[in-house]
Amino acid sequence: MRAFIAIDLPDEHKDRLASLRLDIPGASWTRREGYHLTLRFLGDAVPESDIARLAEALHAIEQPSFTLTLAGVGRFPPGARPAARVLWAGIESSSALHSLHQKVQAALVPLGFPPEERAFSPHLTLARLKSSKTQPDVARFLHKYANFRADPFHAERFHLIQSTLTPQGASYETLVSFPLR
């Protein structure tokens, strides 16, 4: 199964993110129910038999709840060239979020999930772009929403989520939730 670990967002924050759409040719915008802050993607072929072990390891994480703030937008890859492949909303720097990410990484290593090689870059994917051409609409999006900011929200739990890819887009099912205490 395809699975990942993430923090969900309050409905009002999902609504705010959904309002950040522009008409950009070739953009596939994330559906409202797909907004989440991924802490760790586990892969496309996680055996169902691993879920109980994953849940046990993740339940053992002790981390106080904390506040997060959505702020700013950007693109991957950064810069003006090559063409953007992803548009995203950012998360203000948070030592508590980075601590949780490190604890998740450490809990997964004994289960055969090596640490990710890329640095943790907290973001929420807003759109994926299919065009390989530089688009002025991307620059317009980045300029228009450069000062985007949402009210802070309290992260009180994180989740192990199964993602199923369909022609209509991904669908998500929360398998287990873990309280931040």
N, C-alpha and C. Protein backbone atom coordinates (compact mmCIF):
# COMPACT_ATOMS: atom_id res chain seq x y z
N MET A 1 0.83 -1.18 0.00
CA MET A 1 0.00 0.00 0.00
C MET A 1 0.88 1.25 0.00
N ARG A 2 0.33 2.33 -0.49
CA ARG A 2 1.02 3.63 -0.50
C ARG A 2 0.67 4.31 0.82
N ALA A 3 1.68 4.74 1.59
CA ALA A 3 1.41 5.28 2.91
C ALA A 3 2.37 6.40 3.27
N PHE A 4 1.91 7.26 4.17
CA PHE A 4 2.74 8.35 4.66
C PHE A 4 2.27 8.75 6.05
N ILE A 5 3.09 9.56 6.71
CA ILE A 5 2.78 10.07 8.05
C ILE A 5 2.63 11.58 7.91
N ALA A 6 1.54 12.13 8.48
CA ALA A 6 1.26 13.55 8.26
C ALA A 6 0.47 14.17 9.40
N ILE A 7 0.47 15.49 9.38
CA ILE A 7 -0.39 16.28 10.26
C ILE A 7 -1.53 16.81 9.40
N ASP A 8 -2.75 16.63 9.86
CA ASP A 8 -3.92 17.14 9.14
C ASP A 8 -4.12 18.61 9.51
N LEU A 9 -4.92 19.30 8.72
CA LEU A 9 -5.19 20.72 8.93
C LEU A 9 -6.64 20.93 9.33
N PRO A 10 -6.91 21.98 10.10
CA PRO A 10 -8.30 22.33 10.37
C PRO A 10 -9.01 22.71 9.07
N ASP A 11 -10.32 22.52 9.06
CA ASP A 11 -11.11 22.80 7.85
C ASP A 11 -10.95 24.23 7.35
N GLU A 12 -10.89 25.20 8.26
CA GLU A 12 -10.78 26.60 7.82
C GLU A 12 -9.44 26.86 7.11
N HIS A 13 -8.40 26.12 7.49
CA HIS A 13 -7.11 26.26 6.81
C HIS A 13 -7.14 25.60 5.43
N LYS A 14 -7.85 24.49 5.32
CA LYS A 14 -8.02 23.86 4.02
C LYS A 14 -8.79 24.81 3.08
N ASP A 15 -9.80 25.48 3.63
CA ASP A 15 -10.56 26.45 2.83
C ASP A 15 -9.65 27.59 2.35
N ARG A 16 -8.80 28.08 3.23
CA ARG A 16 -7.87 29.16 2.85
C ARG A 16 -6.94 28.71 1.73
N LEU A 17 -6.40 27.50 1.87
CA LEU A 17 -5.50 26.98 0.84
C LEU A 17 -6.23 26.80 -0.49
N ALA A 18 -7.47 26.33 -0.43
CA ALA A 18 -8.24 26.12 -1.66
C ALA A 18 -8.51 27.45 -2.37
N SER A 19 -8.48 28.54 -1.65
CA SER A 19 -8.75 29.86 -2.25
C SER A 19 -7.53 30.41 -3.00
N LEU A 20 -6.39 29.75 -2.92
CA LEU A 20 -5.16 30.24 -3.55
C LEU A 20 -4.99 29.75 -4.98
N ARG A 21 -6.05 29.51 -5.66
CA ARG A 21 -5.96 28.98 -7.03
C ARG A 21 -5.98 30.09 -8.06
N LEU A 22 -5.16 29.90 -9.08
CA LEU A 22 -5.18 30.76 -10.26
C LEU A 22 -5.33 29.86 -11.47
N ASP A 23 -5.79 30.44 -12.55
CA ASP A 23 -5.90 29.67 -13.79
C ASP A 23 -4.51 29.57 -14.41
N ILE A 24 -3.86 28.44 -14.18
CA ILE A 24 -2.52 28.20 -14.72
C ILE A 24 -2.62 26.98 -15.64
N PRO A 25 -2.39 27.16 -16.94
CA PRO A 25 -2.48 26.02 -17.85
C PRO A 25 -1.56 24.88 -17.41
N GLY A 26 -2.10 23.66 -17.42
CA GLY A 26 -1.31 22.49 -17.05
C GLY A 26 -1.21 22.24 -15.56
N ALA A 27 -1.86 23.08 -14.73
CA ALA A 27 -1.80 22.90 -13.28
C ALA A 27 -2.88 21.92 -12.83
N SER A 28 -2.48 20.96 -12.03
CA SER A 28 -3.41 20.03 -11.40
C SER A 28 -3.45 20.41 -9.92
N TRP A 29 -4.53 21.06 -9.51
CA TRP A 29 -4.64 21.60 -8.15
C TRP A 29 -5.04 20.49 -7.17
N THR A 30 -4.42 20.51 -6.00
CA THR A 30 -4.73 19.56 -4.95
C THR A 30 -6.16 19.79 -4.49
N ARG A 31 -6.89 18.69 -4.35
CA ARG A 31 -8.25 18.80 -3.82
C ARG A 31 -8.18 19.13 -2.33
N ARG A 32 -9.21 19.79 -1.83
CA ARG A 32 -9.25 20.25 -0.45
C ARG A 32 -8.92 19.14 0.54
N GLU A 33 -9.45 17.94 0.33
CA GLU A 33 -9.22 16.84 1.26
C GLU A 33 -7.79 16.31 1.20
N GLY A 34 -7.03 16.75 0.22
CA GLY A 34 -5.65 16.31 0.07
C GLY A 34 -4.63 17.19 0.77
N TYR A 35 -5.07 18.26 1.41
CA TYR A 35 -4.12 19.13 2.11
C TYR A 35 -3.69 18.50 3.43
N HIS A 36 -2.41 18.26 3.57
CA HIS A 36 -1.83 17.72 4.80
C HIS A 36 -0.34 18.07 4.79
N LEU A 37 0.24 18.08 5.95
CA LEU A 37 1.66 18.36 6.11
C LEU A 37 2.37 17.02 6.28
N THR A 38 3.03 16.57 5.23
CA THR A 38 3.69 15.27 5.26
C THR A 38 4.96 15.34 6.12
N LEU A 39 5.02 14.45 7.09
CA LEU A 39 6.22 14.31 7.92
C LEU A 39 7.17 13.29 7.31
N ARG A 40 6.60 12.26 6.68
CA ARG A 40 7.43 11.23 6.07
C ARG A 40 6.60 10.40 5.11
N PHE A 41 7.03 10.32 3.86
CA PHE A 41 6.44 9.41 2.88
C PHE A 41 7.10 8.06 3.08
N LEU A 42 6.29 7.02 3.23
CA LEU A 42 6.83 5.68 3.50
C LEU A 42 7.06 4.86 2.24
N GLY A 43 6.36 5.18 1.17
CA GLY A 43 6.56 4.47 -0.08
C GLY A 43 5.27 3.98 -0.69
N ASP A 44 5.42 3.42 -1.90
CA ASP A 44 4.28 2.92 -2.66
C ASP A 44 3.98 1.46 -2.38
N ALA A 45 4.86 0.78 -1.67
CA ALA A 45 4.69 -0.66 -1.47
C ALA A 45 4.91 -1.05 -0.01
N VAL A 46 4.23 -0.38 0.89
CA VAL A 46 4.34 -0.71 2.31
C VAL A 46 3.45 -1.93 2.57
N PRO A 47 4.00 -3.03 3.05
CA PRO A 47 3.18 -4.22 3.32
C PRO A 47 2.15 -3.94 4.43
N GLU A 48 0.93 -4.42 4.22
CA GLU A 48 -0.10 -4.22 5.25
C GLU A 48 0.33 -4.84 6.57
N SER A 49 1.16 -5.86 6.50
CA SER A 49 1.63 -6.51 7.72
C SER A 49 2.53 -5.59 8.56
N ASP A 50 3.04 -4.50 7.96
CA ASP A 50 3.89 -3.55 8.70
C ASP A 50 3.09 -2.52 9.50
N ILE A 51 1.80 -2.42 9.26
CA ILE A 51 1.01 -1.36 9.89
C ILE A 51 1.04 -1.46 11.41
N ALA A 52 0.88 -2.64 11.97
CA ALA A 52 0.88 -2.80 13.43
C ALA A 52 2.23 -2.38 14.01
N ARG A 53 3.33 -2.78 13.35
CA ARG A 53 4.67 -2.39 13.84
C ARG A 53 4.87 -0.89 13.73
N LEU A 54 4.42 -0.30 12.62
CA LEU A 54 4.52 1.15 12.45
C LEU A 54 3.72 1.86 13.54
N ALA A 55 2.51 1.40 13.77
CA ALA A 55 1.66 2.03 14.79
C ALA A 55 2.30 1.95 16.17
N GLU A 56 2.86 0.82 16.50
CA GLU A 56 3.50 0.66 17.81
C GLU A 56 4.68 1.63 17.95
N ALA A 57 5.51 1.72 16.92
CA ALA A 57 6.68 2.61 16.97
C ALA A 57 6.26 4.08 17.05
N LEU A 58 5.24 4.44 16.30
CA LEU A 58 4.81 5.85 16.28
C LEU A 58 4.06 6.22 17.56
N HIS A 59 3.34 5.26 18.16
CA HIS A 59 2.67 5.52 19.44
C HIS A 59 3.68 5.82 20.55
N ALA A 60 4.88 5.31 20.43
CA ALA A 60 5.90 5.49 21.47
C ALA A 60 6.51 6.90 21.44
N ILE A 61 6.25 7.67 20.37
CA ILE A 61 6.82 9.02 20.28
C ILE A 61 6.15 9.93 21.30
N GLU A 62 7.00 10.59 22.08
CA GLU A 62 6.50 11.57 23.04
C GLU A 62 6.88 12.96 22.56
N GLN A 63 5.87 13.75 22.29
CA GLN A 63 6.08 15.10 21.77
C GLN A 63 4.89 15.95 22.21
N PRO A 64 5.14 17.08 22.83
CA PRO A 64 4.01 17.96 23.18
C PRO A 64 3.35 18.51 21.92
N SER A 65 2.07 18.83 22.04
CA SER A 65 1.38 19.49 20.94
C SER A 65 2.02 20.86 20.74
N PHE A 66 1.80 21.45 19.57
CA PHE A 66 2.45 22.72 19.24
C PHE A 66 1.62 23.48 18.22
N THR A 67 2.01 24.72 18.01
CA THR A 67 1.30 25.60 17.09
C THR A 67 2.06 25.70 15.77
N LEU A 68 1.30 25.71 14.67
CA LEU A 68 1.87 25.89 13.34
C LEU A 68 1.17 27.05 12.65
N THR A 69 1.92 27.71 11.77
CA THR A 69 1.37 28.83 11.00
C THR A 69 1.72 28.64 9.53
N LEU A 70 0.69 28.67 8.68
CA LEU A 70 0.91 28.65 7.24
C LEU A 70 1.34 30.04 6.81
N ALA A 71 2.42 30.12 6.04
CA ALA A 71 2.91 31.43 5.63
C ALA A 71 3.71 31.31 4.34
N GLY A 72 3.36 32.13 3.36
CA GLY A 72 4.11 32.22 2.12
C GLY A 72 3.78 31.10 1.14
N VAL A 73 4.24 31.30 -0.08
CA VAL A 73 4.10 30.30 -1.13
C VAL A 73 5.44 30.17 -1.84
N GLY A 74 5.59 29.10 -2.59
CA GLY A 74 6.82 28.90 -3.33
C GLY A 74 6.64 27.85 -4.39
N ARG A 75 7.75 27.42 -4.93
CA ARG A 75 7.73 26.44 -6.02
C ARG A 75 8.91 25.49 -5.89
N PHE A 76 8.73 24.29 -6.42
CA PHE A 76 9.81 23.34 -6.59
C PHE A 76 9.95 23.08 -8.08
N PRO A 77 11.14 23.05 -8.64
CA PRO A 77 12.37 23.49 -7.99
C PRO A 77 12.36 25.00 -7.80
N PRO A 78 13.13 25.47 -6.79
CA PRO A 78 13.17 26.91 -6.54
C PRO A 78 13.85 27.67 -7.67
N GLY A 79 13.68 28.97 -7.68
CA GLY A 79 14.31 29.81 -8.70
C GLY A 79 13.40 29.99 -9.91
N ALA A 80 13.94 30.62 -10.93
CA ALA A 80 13.14 30.90 -12.12
C ALA A 80 13.24 29.79 -13.15
N ARG A 81 14.32 29.04 -13.13
CA ARG A 81 14.50 27.94 -14.09
C ARG A 81 15.07 26.75 -13.36
N PRO A 82 14.79 25.55 -13.71
CA PRO A 82 13.88 25.14 -14.77
C PRO A 82 12.43 25.42 -14.41
N ALA A 83 11.52 25.00 -15.27
CA ALA A 83 10.10 25.25 -15.05
C ALA A 83 9.65 24.65 -13.71
N ALA A 84 8.70 25.32 -13.08
CA ALA A 84 8.14 24.84 -11.81
C ALA A 84 7.40 23.53 -12.04
N ARG A 85 7.54 22.61 -11.10
CA ARG A 85 6.81 21.33 -11.14
C ARG A 85 5.76 21.27 -10.04
N VAL A 86 5.98 22.04 -8.95
CA VAL A 86 5.06 22.04 -7.81
C VAL A 86 4.93 23.46 -7.29
N LEU A 87 3.70 23.84 -6.93
CA LEU A 87 3.45 25.09 -6.19
C LEU A 87 3.04 24.68 -4.79
N TRP A 88 3.53 25.41 -3.80
CA TRP A 88 3.27 25.02 -2.42
C TRP A 88 3.02 26.22 -1.52
N ALA A 89 2.39 25.94 -0.36
CA ALA A 89 2.25 26.92 0.72
C ALA A 89 3.23 26.48 1.80
N GLY A 90 3.85 27.46 2.44
CA GLY A 90 4.87 27.15 3.43
C GLY A 90 4.35 27.10 4.85
N ILE A 91 5.23 26.65 5.73
CA ILE A 91 4.99 26.59 7.16
C ILE A 91 6.09 27.42 7.82
N GLU A 92 5.70 28.31 8.73
CA GLU A 92 6.72 29.07 9.46
C GLU A 92 7.63 28.10 10.20
N SER A 93 8.88 28.46 10.31
CA SER A 93 9.85 27.62 10.99
C SER A 93 9.36 27.30 12.40
N SER A 94 9.48 26.02 12.76
CA SER A 94 9.01 25.56 14.06
C SER A 94 9.95 24.49 14.59
N SER A 95 10.58 24.78 15.71
CA SER A 95 11.49 23.78 16.29
C SER A 95 10.70 22.55 16.74
N ALA A 96 9.47 22.72 17.19
CA ALA A 96 8.66 21.58 17.61
C ALA A 96 8.33 20.68 16.42
N LEU A 97 8.03 21.27 15.27
CA LEU A 97 7.75 20.48 14.07
C LEU A 97 8.99 19.71 13.65
N HIS A 98 10.14 20.36 13.65
CA HIS A 98 11.38 19.67 13.28
C HIS A 98 11.70 18.56 14.28
N SER A 99 11.42 18.79 15.54
CA SER A 99 11.64 17.76 16.56
C SER A 99 10.75 16.54 16.28
N LEU A 100 9.47 16.79 15.98
CA LEU A 100 8.57 15.68 15.67
C LEU A 100 9.06 14.93 14.44
N HIS A 101 9.48 15.65 13.42
CA HIS A 101 9.99 15.00 12.21
C HIS A 101 11.18 14.09 12.54
N GLN A 102 12.11 14.59 13.35
CA GLN A 102 13.28 13.79 13.73
C GLN A 102 12.88 12.55 14.53
N LYS A 103 11.91 12.70 15.40
CA LYS A 103 11.45 11.55 16.20
C LYS A 103 10.77 10.51 15.31
N VAL A 104 10.01 10.97 14.34
CA VAL A 104 9.38 10.03 13.39
C VAL A 104 10.46 9.30 12.61
N GLN A 105 11.44 10.04 12.11
CA GLN A 105 12.55 9.41 11.36
C GLN A 105 13.24 8.35 12.22
N ALA A 106 13.55 8.70 13.45
CA ALA A 106 14.26 7.77 14.34
C ALA A 106 13.42 6.54 14.65
N ALA A 107 12.11 6.70 14.79
CA ALA A 107 11.23 5.56 15.08
C ALA A 107 11.13 4.59 13.90
N LEU A 108 11.33 5.10 12.69
CA LEU A 108 11.16 4.28 11.49
C LEU A 108 12.42 3.48 11.13
N VAL A 109 13.59 3.96 11.51
CA VAL A 109 14.85 3.30 11.12
C VAL A 109 14.88 1.84 11.55
N PRO A 110 14.55 1.48 12.80
CA PRO A 110 14.59 0.06 13.19
C PRO A 110 13.60 -0.81 12.42
N LEU A 111 12.61 -0.17 11.77
CA LEU A 111 11.61 -0.92 11.00
C LEU A 111 12.00 -1.08 9.54
N GLY A 112 13.21 -0.61 9.20
CA GLY A 112 13.68 -0.77 7.84
C GLY A 112 13.40 0.40 6.91
N PHE A 113 13.04 1.54 7.47
CA PHE A 113 12.82 2.75 6.69
C PHE A 113 13.99 3.70 6.96
N PRO A 114 15.01 3.70 6.10
CA PRO A 114 16.16 4.57 6.35
C PRO A 114 15.75 6.04 6.31
N PRO A 115 16.52 6.90 7.00
CA PRO A 115 16.19 8.33 6.98
C PRO A 115 16.19 8.87 5.55
N GLU A 116 15.33 9.84 5.31
CA GLU A 116 15.31 10.48 4.00
C GLU A 116 16.60 11.23 3.77
N GLU A 117 17.06 11.22 2.55
CA GLU A 117 18.30 11.91 2.22
C GLU A 117 18.08 13.41 2.07
N ARG A 118 16.89 13.79 1.59
CA ARG A 118 16.60 15.22 1.42
C ARG A 118 16.31 15.87 2.77
N ALA A 119 16.69 17.12 2.88
CA ALA A 119 16.37 17.88 4.09
C ALA A 119 14.86 18.05 4.19
N PHE A 120 14.35 18.06 5.40
CA PHE A 120 12.92 18.26 5.65
C PHE A 120 12.55 19.68 5.25
N SER A 121 11.60 19.81 4.36
CA SER A 121 11.15 21.11 3.86
C SER A 121 9.63 21.17 4.03
N PRO A 122 9.16 21.57 5.21
CA PRO A 122 7.72 21.52 5.49
C PRO A 122 6.94 22.42 4.52
N HIS A 123 5.95 21.84 3.87
CA HIS A 123 5.12 22.58 2.92
C HIS A 123 3.83 21.80 2.68
N LEU A 124 2.89 22.47 2.04
CA LEU A 124 1.64 21.83 1.62
C LEU A 124 1.54 22.00 0.12
N THR A 125 1.46 20.89 -0.59
CA THR A 125 1.39 20.95 -2.05
C THR A 125 0.05 21.52 -2.48
N LEU A 126 0.11 22.59 -3.27
CA LEU A 126 -1.10 23.22 -3.80
C LEU A 126 -1.41 22.74 -5.21
N ALA A 127 -0.38 22.57 -6.03
CA ALA A 127 -0.59 22.16 -7.42
C ALA A 127 0.65 21.49 -7.95
N ARG A 128 0.42 20.60 -8.90
CA ARG A 128 1.50 19.99 -9.68
C ARG A 128 1.35 20.51 -11.10
N LEU A 129 2.49 20.83 -11.72
CA LEU A 129 2.48 21.41 -13.05
C LEU A 129 3.03 20.41 -14.05
N LYS A 130 2.34 20.28 -15.17
CA LYS A 130 2.74 19.29 -16.17
C LYS A 130 3.61 19.88 -17.26
N SER A 131 3.57 21.18 -17.43
CA SER A 131 4.32 21.80 -18.52
C SER A 131 5.80 21.91 -18.17
N SER A 132 6.65 21.66 -19.16
CA SER A 132 8.09 21.82 -18.94
C SER A 132 8.55 23.21 -19.38
N LYS A 133 7.62 24.05 -19.80
CA LYS A 133 7.95 25.41 -20.23
C LYS A 133 7.78 26.37 -19.05
N THR A 134 8.64 27.36 -18.98
CA THR A 134 8.50 28.39 -17.97
C THR A 134 7.21 29.14 -18.24
N GLN A 135 6.40 29.35 -17.20
CA GLN A 135 5.10 29.99 -17.37
C GLN A 135 5.02 31.28 -16.60
N PRO A 136 4.63 32.37 -17.26
CA PRO A 136 4.47 33.63 -16.54
C PRO A 136 3.38 33.55 -15.47
N ASP A 137 2.42 32.63 -15.64
CA ASP A 137 1.35 32.50 -14.64
C ASP A 137 1.89 32.02 -13.29
N VAL A 138 2.98 31.26 -13.32
CA VAL A 138 3.59 30.81 -12.06
C VAL A 138 4.17 32.02 -11.32
N ALA A 139 4.86 32.89 -12.05
CA ALA A 139 5.40 34.11 -11.42
C ALA A 139 4.27 34.97 -10.88
N ARG A 140 3.15 35.04 -11.62
CA ARG A 140 1.99 35.83 -11.17
C ARG A 140 1.44 35.24 -9.87
N PHE A 141 1.34 33.90 -9.79
CA PHE A 141 0.87 33.22 -8.58
C PHE A 141 1.78 33.55 -7.40
N LEU A 142 3.10 33.41 -7.61
CA LEU A 142 4.06 33.65 -6.53
C LEU A 142 4.00 35.09 -6.05
N HIS A 143 3.82 36.03 -6.97
CA HIS A 143 3.74 37.44 -6.60
C HIS A 143 2.43 37.73 -5.86
N LYS A 144 1.32 37.23 -6.40
CA LYS A 144 0.00 37.51 -5.81
C LYS A 144 -0.11 37.02 -4.38
N TYR A 145 0.46 35.84 -4.10
CA TYR A 145 0.30 35.24 -2.78
C TYR A 145 1.58 35.27 -1.94
N ALA A 146 2.52 36.10 -2.30
CA ALA A 146 3.80 36.18 -1.58
C ALA A 146 3.60 36.44 -0.08
N ASN A 147 2.58 37.20 0.27
CA ASN A 147 2.33 37.55 1.67
C ASN A 147 1.24 36.69 2.30
N PHE A 148 0.93 35.56 1.70
CA PHE A 148 -0.09 34.68 2.25
C PHE A 148 0.26 34.29 3.68
N ARG A 149 -0.76 34.31 4.52
CA ARG A 149 -0.59 33.92 5.92
C ARG A 149 -1.95 33.51 6.46
N ALA A 150 -1.98 32.46 7.24
CA ALA A 150 -3.21 32.01 7.89
C ALA A 150 -3.01 32.08 9.39
N ASP A 151 -4.10 32.14 10.12
CA ASP A 151 -4.02 32.14 11.58
C ASP A 151 -3.32 30.87 12.05
N PRO A 152 -2.58 30.95 13.14
CA PRO A 152 -1.93 29.75 13.69
C PRO A 152 -2.98 28.70 14.06
N PHE A 153 -2.58 27.43 14.00
CA PHE A 153 -3.46 26.36 14.47
C PHE A 153 -2.64 25.42 15.34
N HIS A 154 -3.34 24.69 16.17
CA HIS A 154 -2.70 23.80 17.14
C HIS A 154 -2.64 22.39 16.58
N ALA A 155 -1.46 21.83 16.45
CA ALA A 155 -1.28 20.44 16.02
C ALA A 155 -1.36 19.57 17.26
N GLU A 156 -2.40 18.75 17.34
CA GLU A 156 -2.61 17.93 18.52
C GLU A 156 -2.40 16.44 18.26
N ARG A 157 -2.22 16.07 16.98
CA ARG A 157 -2.00 14.67 16.63
C ARG A 157 -1.38 14.59 15.25
N PHE A 158 -0.80 13.44 14.97
CA PHE A 158 -0.34 13.14 13.62
C PHE A 158 -0.89 11.78 13.24
N HIS A 159 -0.81 11.42 11.95
CA HIS A 159 -1.54 10.27 11.45
C HIS A 159 -0.71 9.42 10.51
N LEU A 160 -1.00 8.13 10.50
CA LEU A 160 -0.52 7.21 9.47
C LEU A 160 -1.65 7.11 8.46
N ILE A 161 -1.36 7.46 7.22
CA ILE A 161 -2.41 7.60 6.20
C ILE A 161 -2.09 6.72 5.00
N GLN A 162 -3.12 6.05 4.51
CA GLN A 162 -3.02 5.29 3.27
C GLN A 162 -3.53 6.17 2.14
N SER A 163 -2.80 6.17 1.05
CA SER A 163 -3.17 6.95 -0.13
C SER A 163 -3.41 5.98 -1.28
N THR A 164 -4.55 6.12 -1.93
CA THR A 164 -4.87 5.30 -3.09
C THR A 164 -5.00 6.21 -4.30
N LEU A 165 -4.20 5.95 -5.31
CA LEU A 165 -4.22 6.76 -6.52
C LEU A 165 -5.32 6.25 -7.45
N THR A 166 -6.16 7.18 -7.93
CA THR A 166 -7.23 6.86 -8.86
C THR A 166 -7.17 7.86 -10.01
N PRO A 167 -7.87 7.60 -11.10
CA PRO A 167 -7.89 8.58 -12.20
C PRO A 167 -8.44 9.95 -11.78
N GLN A 168 -9.25 9.97 -10.74
CA GLN A 168 -9.81 11.24 -10.24
C GLN A 168 -8.89 11.92 -9.23
N GLY A 169 -7.76 11.32 -8.93
CA GLY A 169 -6.83 11.86 -7.94
C GLY A 169 -6.70 10.91 -6.77
N ALA A 170 -5.88 11.27 -5.83
CA ALA A 170 -5.63 10.42 -4.66
C ALA A 170 -6.80 10.49 -3.69
N SER A 171 -7.07 9.35 -3.05
CA SER A 171 -8.01 9.34 -1.93
C SER A 171 -7.23 8.90 -0.70
N TYR A 172 -7.66 9.37 0.45
CA TYR A 172 -6.89 9.16 1.67
C TYR A 172 -7.74 8.50 2.74
N GLU A 173 -7.09 7.60 3.50
CA GLU A 173 -7.74 6.97 4.62
C GLU A 173 -6.78 6.99 5.80
N THR A 174 -7.21 7.58 6.90
CA THR A 174 -6.40 7.59 8.11
C THR A 174 -6.46 6.20 8.74
N LEU A 175 -5.31 5.56 8.87
CA LEU A 175 -5.24 4.22 9.44
C LEU A 175 -5.12 4.26 10.95
N VAL A 176 -4.25 5.15 11.47
CA VAL A 176 -4.04 5.27 12.92
C VAL A 176 -3.69 6.73 13.20
N SER A 177 -4.18 7.26 14.31
CA SER A 177 -3.82 8.61 14.76
C SER A 177 -3.01 8.52 16.04
N PHE A 178 -2.09 9.46 16.19
CA PHE A 178 -1.18 9.46 17.35
C PHE A 178 -1.25 10.81 18.04
N PRO A 179 -1.64 10.83 19.30
CA PRO A 179 -1.75 12.12 20.00
C PRO A 179 -0.39 12.73 20.31
N LEU A 180 -0.32 14.03 20.25
CA LEU A 180 0.85 14.77 20.72
C LEU A 180 0.51 15.16 22.15
N ARG A 181 1.33 14.72 23.10
CA ARG A 181 1.00 14.92 24.50
C ARG A 181 2.15 15.51 25.26
